[in-house]
Amino acid sequence: MQASSRGEVTLMVCADYSNAFDTVQSRSVVSRMHSLGFSKYFLLWMIDYLTHRRQLVQIDDKKSDMATVEFGRSLGSILGPVISILYVADLRSELQCDCYQYADDMTFYIHSKPSDLNSSADHINKALTSLRDYSKNCNMALNSSKTNWMLISTPQMARYHSLEERKLPIACGDTPLKRISCTKLLGVHVDQHLTWKTHEDHGSSS
């Protein structure tokens, strides 16, 4: 809303990861926590919590052999989202964009005047390249086919600048990203004009 009051639009990317929780590396989490200043005793507790986990698969009365789990974290645990955030704690500095993170949800954006959208698209594409490289180094699979972008503005600005017809070359590597008009962020449906209509429509139909 502040960007709109300044006559700016917002170019936003919603990143999607494939099975992000299954790729968390315990040692990397502890290393990041150490760099963030967590105490020695807390780190030892986290090492005990994260490492040497064992699991088996049971179907009816058949059980597999026990196996040590080297990657991932416990789904449904209270610490799960926190661990995921810590795992990518240094991502913000890599993107050089404003961003929001929660667990495996990643949204980043840039504000600009409508006349500067091509420059903003270049900036976003550089951030996408950084995100792809960072994800690869962290053993996380960025799903380009489900990573989308949205151009947020007021309805008046969209009409005046023909923003809904505006084509921008947003891509992750060689994969062009799909433009969307609405997305769901932490349970809230957000549309390209920041109205509540889409969210209310989903609420009334559920």
C-alpha atoms as a PDB file:
ATOM      1  CA  MET A   1       0.000   0.000   0.000  1.00  0.00           C
ATOM      2  CA  GLN A   2       2.871   2.393   0.741  1.00  0.00           C
ATOM      3  CA  ALA A   3       4.348   1.687  -2.684  1.00  0.00           C
ATOM      4  CA  SER A   4       0.998   2.474  -4.339  1.00  0.00           C
ATOM      5  CA  SER A   5       0.792   5.772  -2.473  1.00  0.00           C
ATOM      6  CA  ARG A   6       4.174   6.664  -3.991  1.00  0.00           C
ATOM      7  CA  GLY A   7       2.933   5.836  -7.483  1.00  0.00           C
ATOM      8  CA  GLU A   8       4.904   2.584  -7.572  1.00  0.00           C
ATOM      9  CA  VAL A   9       4.025  -0.973  -8.501  1.00  0.00           C
ATOM     10  CA  THR A  10       5.384  -4.158  -6.944  1.00  0.00           C
ATOM     11  CA  LEU A  11       6.957  -6.996  -8.893  1.00  0.00           C
ATOM     12  CA  MET A  12       6.734 -10.127  -6.737  1.00  0.00           C
ATOM     13  CA  VAL A  13       7.959 -13.712  -7.129  1.00  0.00           C
ATOM     14  CA  CYS A  14       6.500 -16.647  -5.189  1.00  0.00           C
ATOM     15  CA  ALA A  15       9.059 -19.469  -5.095  1.00  0.00           C
ATOM     16  CA  ASP A  16       8.063 -23.110  -4.789  1.00  0.00           C
ATOM     17  CA  TYR A  17      10.240 -25.942  -3.523  1.00  0.00           C
ATOM     18  CA  SER A  18       9.791 -29.657  -4.111  1.00  0.00           C
ATOM     19  CA  ASN A  19       9.823 -31.616  -0.830  1.00  0.00           C
ATOM     20  CA  ALA A  20      11.853 -28.885   0.866  1.00  0.00           C
ATOM     21  CA  PHE A  21      11.506 -30.438   4.312  1.00  0.00           C
ATOM     22  CA  ASP A  22      13.147 -33.660   3.110  1.00  0.00           C
ATOM     23  CA  THR A  23      16.397 -31.942   2.118  1.00  0.00           C
ATOM     24  CA  VAL A  24      17.361 -30.096   5.310  1.00  0.00           C
ATOM     25  CA  GLN A  25      20.950 -30.972   6.241  1.00  0.00           C
ATOM     26  CA  SER A  26      21.409 -31.193  10.012  1.00  0.00           C
ATOM     27  CA  ARG A  27      25.059 -30.123   9.999  1.00  0.00           C
ATOM     28  CA  SER A  28      24.241 -27.028   7.949  1.00  0.00           C
ATOM     29  CA  VAL A  29      21.483 -26.035  10.389  1.00  0.00           C
ATOM     30  CA  VAL A  30      23.858 -26.304  13.356  1.00  0.00           C
ATOM     31  CA  SER A  31      26.564 -24.392  11.465  1.00  0.00           C
ATOM     32  CA  ARG A  32      24.153 -21.558  10.705  1.00  0.00           C
ATOM     33  CA  MET A  33      22.976 -21.461  14.327  1.00  0.00           C
ATOM     34  CA  HIS A  34      26.608 -21.216  15.455  1.00  0.00           C
ATOM     35  CA  SER A  35      27.210 -18.251  13.121  1.00  0.00           C
ATOM     36  CA  LEU A  36      24.069 -16.583  14.519  1.00  0.00           C
ATOM     37  CA  GLY A  37      25.445 -16.774  18.055  1.00  0.00           C
ATOM     38  CA  PHE A  38      23.480 -19.617  19.648  1.00  0.00           C
ATOM     39  CA  SER A  39      25.079 -20.899  22.855  1.00  0.00           C
ATOM     40  CA  LYS A  40      27.267 -23.997  22.996  1.00  0.00           C
ATOM     41  CA  TYR A  41      24.792 -25.897  25.150  1.00  0.00           C
ATOM     42  CA  PHE A  42      21.865 -25.105  22.873  1.00  0.00           C
ATOM     43  CA  LEU A  43      23.884 -26.268  19.866  1.00  0.00           C
ATOM     44  CA  LEU A  44      24.700 -29.537  21.619  1.00  0.00           C
ATOM     45  CA  TRP A  45      21.006 -30.017  22.356  1.00  0.00           C
ATOM     46  CA  MET A  46      20.122 -29.344  18.705  1.00  0.00           C
ATOM     47  CA  ILE A  47      22.792 -31.789  17.502  1.00  0.00           C
ATOM     48  CA  ASP A  48      21.247 -34.433  19.726  1.00  0.00           C
ATOM     49  CA  TYR A  49      17.777 -33.554  18.419  1.00  0.00           C
ATOM     50  CA  LEU A  50      18.686 -33.485  14.724  1.00  0.00           C
ATOM     51  CA  THR A  51      21.204 -36.290  14.300  1.00  0.00           C
ATOM     52  CA  HIS A  52      21.188 -40.085  14.544  1.00  0.00           C
ATOM     53  CA  ARG A  53      17.470 -40.304  13.834  1.00  0.00           C
ATOM     54  CA  ARG A  54      16.302 -43.719  12.718  1.00  0.00           C
ATOM     55  CA  GLN A  55      13.164 -44.823  10.951  1.00  0.00           C
ATOM     56  CA  LEU A  56      11.501 -47.796   9.321  1.00  0.00           C
ATOM     57  CA  VAL A  57       8.572 -48.348   6.990  1.00  0.00           C
ATOM     58  CA  GLN A  58       5.712 -50.633   7.977  1.00  0.00           C
ATOM     59  CA  ILE A  59       2.998 -51.912   5.634  1.00  0.00           C
ATOM     60  CA  ASP A  60       0.486 -54.140   7.388  1.00  0.00           C
ATOM     61  CA  ASP A  61       2.652 -56.588   9.362  1.00  0.00           C
ATOM     62  CA  LYS A  62       5.742 -56.145   7.180  1.00  0.00           C
ATOM     63  CA  LYS A  63       8.559 -53.911   8.435  1.00  0.00           C
ATOM     64  CA  SER A  64      11.654 -52.675   6.677  1.00  0.00           C
ATOM     65  CA  ASP A  65      15.074 -52.592   8.296  1.00  0.00           C
ATOM     66  CA  MET A  66      15.940 -49.601  10.460  1.00  0.00           C
ATOM     67  CA  ALA A  67      17.800 -46.863   8.586  1.00  0.00           C
ATOM     68  CA  THR A  68      19.557 -43.710   9.770  1.00  0.00           C
ATOM     69  CA  VAL A  69      18.006 -40.477   8.459  1.00  0.00           C
ATOM     70  CA  GLU A  70      20.690 -38.089   7.224  1.00  0.00           C
ATOM     71  CA  PHE A  71      18.395 -35.446   5.742  1.00  0.00           C
ATOM     72  CA  GLY A  72      15.080 -33.816   6.554  1.00  0.00           C
ATOM     73  CA  ARG A  73      13.331 -32.920   9.778  1.00  0.00           C
ATOM     74  CA  SER A  74      10.337 -34.197  11.698  1.00  0.00           C
ATOM     75  CA  LEU A  75       7.151 -33.151   9.912  1.00  0.00           C
ATOM     76  CA  GLY A  76       4.519 -31.636  12.170  1.00  0.00           C
ATOM     77  CA  SER A  77       6.989 -30.770  14.910  1.00  0.00           C
ATOM     78  CA  ILE A  78       6.932 -27.381  16.626  1.00  0.00           C
ATOM     79  CA  LEU A  79      10.591 -26.810  15.779  1.00  0.00           C
ATOM     80  CA  GLY A  80      10.120 -27.763  12.122  1.00  0.00           C
ATOM     81  CA  PRO A  81       9.358 -24.301  10.671  1.00  0.00           C
ATOM     82  CA  VAL A  82      12.046 -22.709  12.864  1.00  0.00           C
ATOM     83  CA  ILE A  83      14.643 -25.206  11.657  1.00  0.00           C
ATOM     84  CA  SER A  84      13.653 -24.534   8.043  1.00  0.00           C
ATOM     85  CA  ILE A  85      14.036 -20.770   8.544  1.00  0.00           C
ATOM     86  CA  LEU A  86      17.440 -21.221  10.183  1.00  0.00           C
ATOM     87  CA  TYR A  87      18.528 -23.467   7.315  1.00  0.00           C
ATOM     88  CA  VAL A  88      18.130 -20.588   4.850  1.00  0.00           C
ATOM     89  CA  ALA A  89      18.888 -17.760   7.294  1.00  0.00           C
ATOM     90  CA  ASP A  90      21.510 -16.175   5.026  1.00  0.00           C
ATOM     91  CA  LEU A  91      19.362 -16.230   1.893  1.00  0.00           C
ATOM     92  CA  ARG A  92      18.222 -12.610   2.221  1.00  0.00           C
ATOM     93  CA  SER A  93      21.749 -11.310   1.712  1.00  0.00           C
ATOM     94  CA  GLU A  94      22.099 -13.433  -1.430  1.00  0.00           C
ATOM     95  CA  LEU A  95      18.924 -12.142  -3.087  1.00  0.00           C
ATOM     96  CA  GLN A  96      19.457  -8.416  -2.492  1.00  0.00           C
ATOM     97  CA  CYS A  97      15.666  -8.036  -2.532  1.00  0.00           C
ATOM     98  CA  ASP A  98      13.017  -7.557   0.104  1.00  0.00           C
ATOM     99  CA  CYS A  99      11.638 -10.968   0.991  1.00  0.00           C
ATOM    100  CA  TYR A 100       9.373 -12.881   3.342  1.00  0.00           C
ATOM    101  CA  GLN A 101      10.157 -16.385   4.552  1.00  0.00           C
ATOM    102  CA  TYR A 102       8.222 -18.934   6.544  1.00  0.00           C
ATOM    103  CA  ALA A 103       9.305 -22.573   6.533  1.00  0.00           C
ATOM    104  CA  ASP A 104       9.551 -23.425   2.805  1.00  0.00           C
ATOM    105  CA  ASP A 105       7.492 -20.439   1.634  1.00  0.00           C
ATOM    106  CA  MET A 106       9.649 -17.807  -0.033  1.00  0.00           C
ATOM    107  CA  THR A 107       8.333 -14.554  -1.518  1.00  0.00           C
ATOM    108  CA  PHE A 108      10.552 -11.713  -2.705  1.00  0.00           C
ATOM    109  CA  TYR A 109       9.713  -8.444  -4.408  1.00  0.00           C
ATOM    110  CA  ILE A 110      10.853  -5.052  -5.626  1.00  0.00           C
ATOM    111  CA  HIS A 111       9.012  -1.720  -5.900  1.00  0.00           C
ATOM    112  CA  SER A 112       9.409   0.562  -8.905  1.00  0.00           C
ATOM    113  CA  LYS A 113       7.749   3.155 -11.068  1.00  0.00           C
ATOM    114  CA  PRO A 114       5.798   1.626 -13.981  1.00  0.00           C
ATOM    115  CA  SER A 115       8.303   3.193 -16.382  1.00  0.00           C
ATOM    116  CA  ASP A 116      11.145   1.287 -14.684  1.00  0.00           C
ATOM    117  CA  LEU A 117       9.611  -2.184 -14.885  1.00  0.00           C
ATOM    118  CA  ASN A 118      12.160  -3.518 -17.363  1.00  0.00           C
ATOM    119  CA  SER A 119      14.966  -2.616 -14.975  1.00  0.00           C
ATOM    120  CA  SER A 120      13.024  -4.219 -12.107  1.00  0.00           C
ATOM    121  CA  ALA A 121      12.589  -7.381 -14.179  1.00  0.00           C
ATOM    122  CA  ASP A 122      16.373  -7.547 -14.673  1.00  0.00           C
ATOM    123  CA  HIS A 123      16.854  -7.175 -10.917  1.00  0.00           C
ATOM    124  CA  ILE A 124      14.331  -9.939 -10.209  1.00  0.00           C
ATOM    125  CA  ASN A 125      15.982 -12.245 -12.754  1.00  0.00           C
ATOM    126  CA  LYS A 126      19.353 -11.744 -11.055  1.00  0.00           C
ATOM    127  CA  ALA A 127      17.695 -12.597  -7.734  1.00  0.00           C
ATOM    128  CA  LEU A 128      16.206 -15.729  -9.307  1.00  0.00           C
ATOM    129  CA  THR A 129      19.642 -16.796 -10.522  1.00  0.00           C
ATOM    130  CA  SER A 130      21.026 -16.279  -7.016  1.00  0.00           C
ATOM    131  CA  LEU A 131      18.103 -18.220  -5.554  1.00  0.00           C
ATOM    132  CA  ARG A 132      18.626 -21.117  -7.962  1.00  0.00           C
ATOM    133  CA  ASP A 133      22.353 -21.313  -7.176  1.00  0.00           C
ATOM    134  CA  TYR A 134      21.777 -20.978  -3.431  1.00  0.00           C
ATOM    135  CA  SER A 135      19.101 -23.676  -3.500  1.00  0.00           C
ATOM    136  CA  LYS A 136      21.387 -26.044  -5.382  1.00  0.00           C
ATOM    137  CA  ASN A 137      24.170 -25.526  -2.841  1.00  0.00           C
ATOM    138  CA  CYS A 138      21.689 -26.250  -0.022  1.00  0.00           C
ATOM    139  CA  ASN A 139      20.417 -29.405  -1.722  1.00  0.00           C
ATOM    140  CA  MET A 140      16.980 -27.824  -2.171  1.00  0.00           C
ATOM    141  CA  ALA A 141      14.993 -28.375  -5.369  1.00  0.00           C
ATOM    142  CA  LEU A 142      13.545 -25.106  -6.655  1.00  0.00           C
ATOM    143  CA  ASN A 143      10.475 -25.987  -8.704  1.00  0.00           C
ATOM    144  CA  SER A 144      10.575 -23.576 -11.650  1.00  0.00           C
ATOM    145  CA  SER A 145       7.297 -24.859 -13.085  1.00  0.00           C
ATOM    146  CA  LYS A 146       5.444 -23.799  -9.914  1.00  0.00           C
ATOM    147  CA  THR A 147       7.397 -20.622  -9.193  1.00  0.00           C
ATOM    148  CA  ASN A 148       5.273 -17.669 -10.350  1.00  0.00           C
ATOM    149  CA  TRP A 149       5.358 -13.904 -10.516  1.00  0.00           C
ATOM    150  CA  MET A 150       2.743 -11.230  -9.955  1.00  0.00           C
ATOM    151  CA  LEU A 151       2.566  -7.503 -10.690  1.00  0.00           C
ATOM    152  CA  ILE A 152       0.764  -5.668  -7.893  1.00  0.00           C
ATOM    153  CA  SER A 153      -0.817  -2.242  -8.381  1.00  0.00           C
ATOM    154  CA  THR A 154      -4.027  -0.340  -7.845  1.00  0.00           C
ATOM    155  CA  PRO A 155      -6.780  -0.924 -10.447  1.00  0.00           C
ATOM    156  CA  GLN A 156      -6.386   2.693 -11.559  1.00  0.00           C
ATOM    157  CA  MET A 157      -2.651   2.310 -12.195  1.00  0.00           C
ATOM    158  CA  ALA A 158      -3.230  -0.976 -13.999  1.00  0.00           C
ATOM    159  CA  ARG A 159      -5.674   0.685 -16.400  1.00  0.00           C
ATOM    160  CA  TYR A 160      -3.614   3.834 -16.944  1.00  0.00           C
ATOM    161  CA  HIS A 161      -0.362   1.964 -17.645  1.00  0.00           C
ATOM    162  CA  SER A 162      -1.973  -1.116 -19.262  1.00  0.00           C
ATOM    163  CA  LEU A 163      -0.219  -3.283 -16.689  1.00  0.00           C
ATOM    164  CA  GLU A 164      -2.389  -6.345 -17.191  1.00  0.00           C
ATOM    165  CA  GLU A 165      -1.173  -6.540 -20.798  1.00  0.00           C
ATOM    166  CA  ARG A 166       2.436  -5.873 -19.842  1.00  0.00           C
ATOM    167  CA  LYS A 167       4.787  -8.737 -20.673  1.00  0.00           C
ATOM    168  CA  LEU A 168       7.999  -9.107 -18.684  1.00  0.00           C
ATOM    169  CA  PRO A 169      10.774 -11.667 -19.361  1.00  0.00           C
ATOM    170  CA  ILE A 170      10.808 -13.189 -15.871  1.00  0.00           C
ATOM    171  CA  ALA A 171      12.592 -16.549 -15.925  1.00  0.00           C
ATOM    172  CA  CYS A 172      14.479 -18.994 -13.746  1.00  0.00           C
ATOM    173  CA  GLY A 173      17.331 -20.207 -15.890  1.00  0.00           C
ATOM    174  CA  ASP A 174      15.807 -21.254 -19.210  1.00  0.00           C
ATOM    175  CA  THR A 175      12.315 -21.637 -17.747  1.00  0.00           C
ATOM    176  CA  PRO A 176       9.955 -18.657 -18.213  1.00  0.00           C
ATOM    177  CA  LEU A 177       7.856 -18.121 -15.102  1.00  0.00           C
ATOM    178  CA  LYS A 178       4.083 -17.938 -15.253  1.00  0.00           C
ATOM    179  CA  ARG A 179       2.352 -14.684 -14.398  1.00  0.00           C
ATOM    180  CA  ILE A 180      -0.502 -15.026 -11.902  1.00  0.00           C
ATOM    181  CA  SER A 181      -3.189 -12.623 -10.697  1.00  0.00           C
ATOM    182  CA  CYS A 182      -3.668 -14.161  -7.248  1.00  0.00           C
ATOM    183  CA  THR A 183      -1.650 -16.229  -4.803  1.00  0.00           C
ATOM    184  CA  LYS A 184      -2.024 -17.630  -1.304  1.00  0.00           C
ATOM    185  CA  LEU A 185       0.392 -16.379   1.338  1.00  0.00           C
ATOM    186  CA  LEU A 186       0.176 -17.967   4.788  1.00  0.00           C
ATOM    187  CA  GLY A 187      -3.509 -18.720   4.347  1.00  0.00           C
ATOM    188  CA  VAL A 188      -4.461 -15.335   2.871  1.00  0.00           C
ATOM    189  CA  HIS A 189      -5.431 -14.996  -0.796  1.00  0.00           C
ATOM    190  CA  VAL A 190      -3.622 -11.955  -2.195  1.00  0.00           C
ATOM    191  CA  ASP A 191      -4.621 -10.597  -5.597  1.00  0.00           C
ATOM    192  CA  GLN A 192      -2.817  -8.234  -7.941  1.00  0.00           C
ATOM    193  CA  HIS A 193      -4.865  -5.222  -6.785  1.00  0.00           C
ATOM    194  CA  LEU A 194      -4.686  -5.987  -3.042  1.00  0.00           C
ATOM    195  CA  THR A 195      -8.442  -6.306  -2.642  1.00  0.00           C
ATOM    196  CA  TRP A 196     -10.151  -8.704  -0.247  1.00  0.00           C
ATOM    197  CA  LYS A 197     -12.603  -9.994  -2.847  1.00  0.00           C
ATOM    198  CA  THR A 198     -10.686 -13.158  -3.774  1.00  0.00           C
ATOM    199  CA  HIS A 199     -10.038 -14.025  -0.136  1.00  0.00           C
ATOM    200  CA  GLU A 200     -13.689 -13.428   0.756  1.00  0.00           C
ATOM    201  CA  ASP A 201     -14.848 -15.532  -2.208  1.00  0.00           C
ATOM    202  CA  HIS A 202     -12.699 -18.458  -1.072  1.00  0.00           C
ATOM    203  CA  GLY A 203     -13.907 -18.038   2.492  1.00  0.00           C
ATOM    204  CA  SER A 204     -17.576 -18.005   1.557  1.00  0.00           C
ATOM    205  CA  SER A 205     -17.234 -21.077  -0.681  1.00  0.00           C
ATOM    206  CA  SER A 206     -15.441 -23.212   1.912  1.00  0.00           C
END
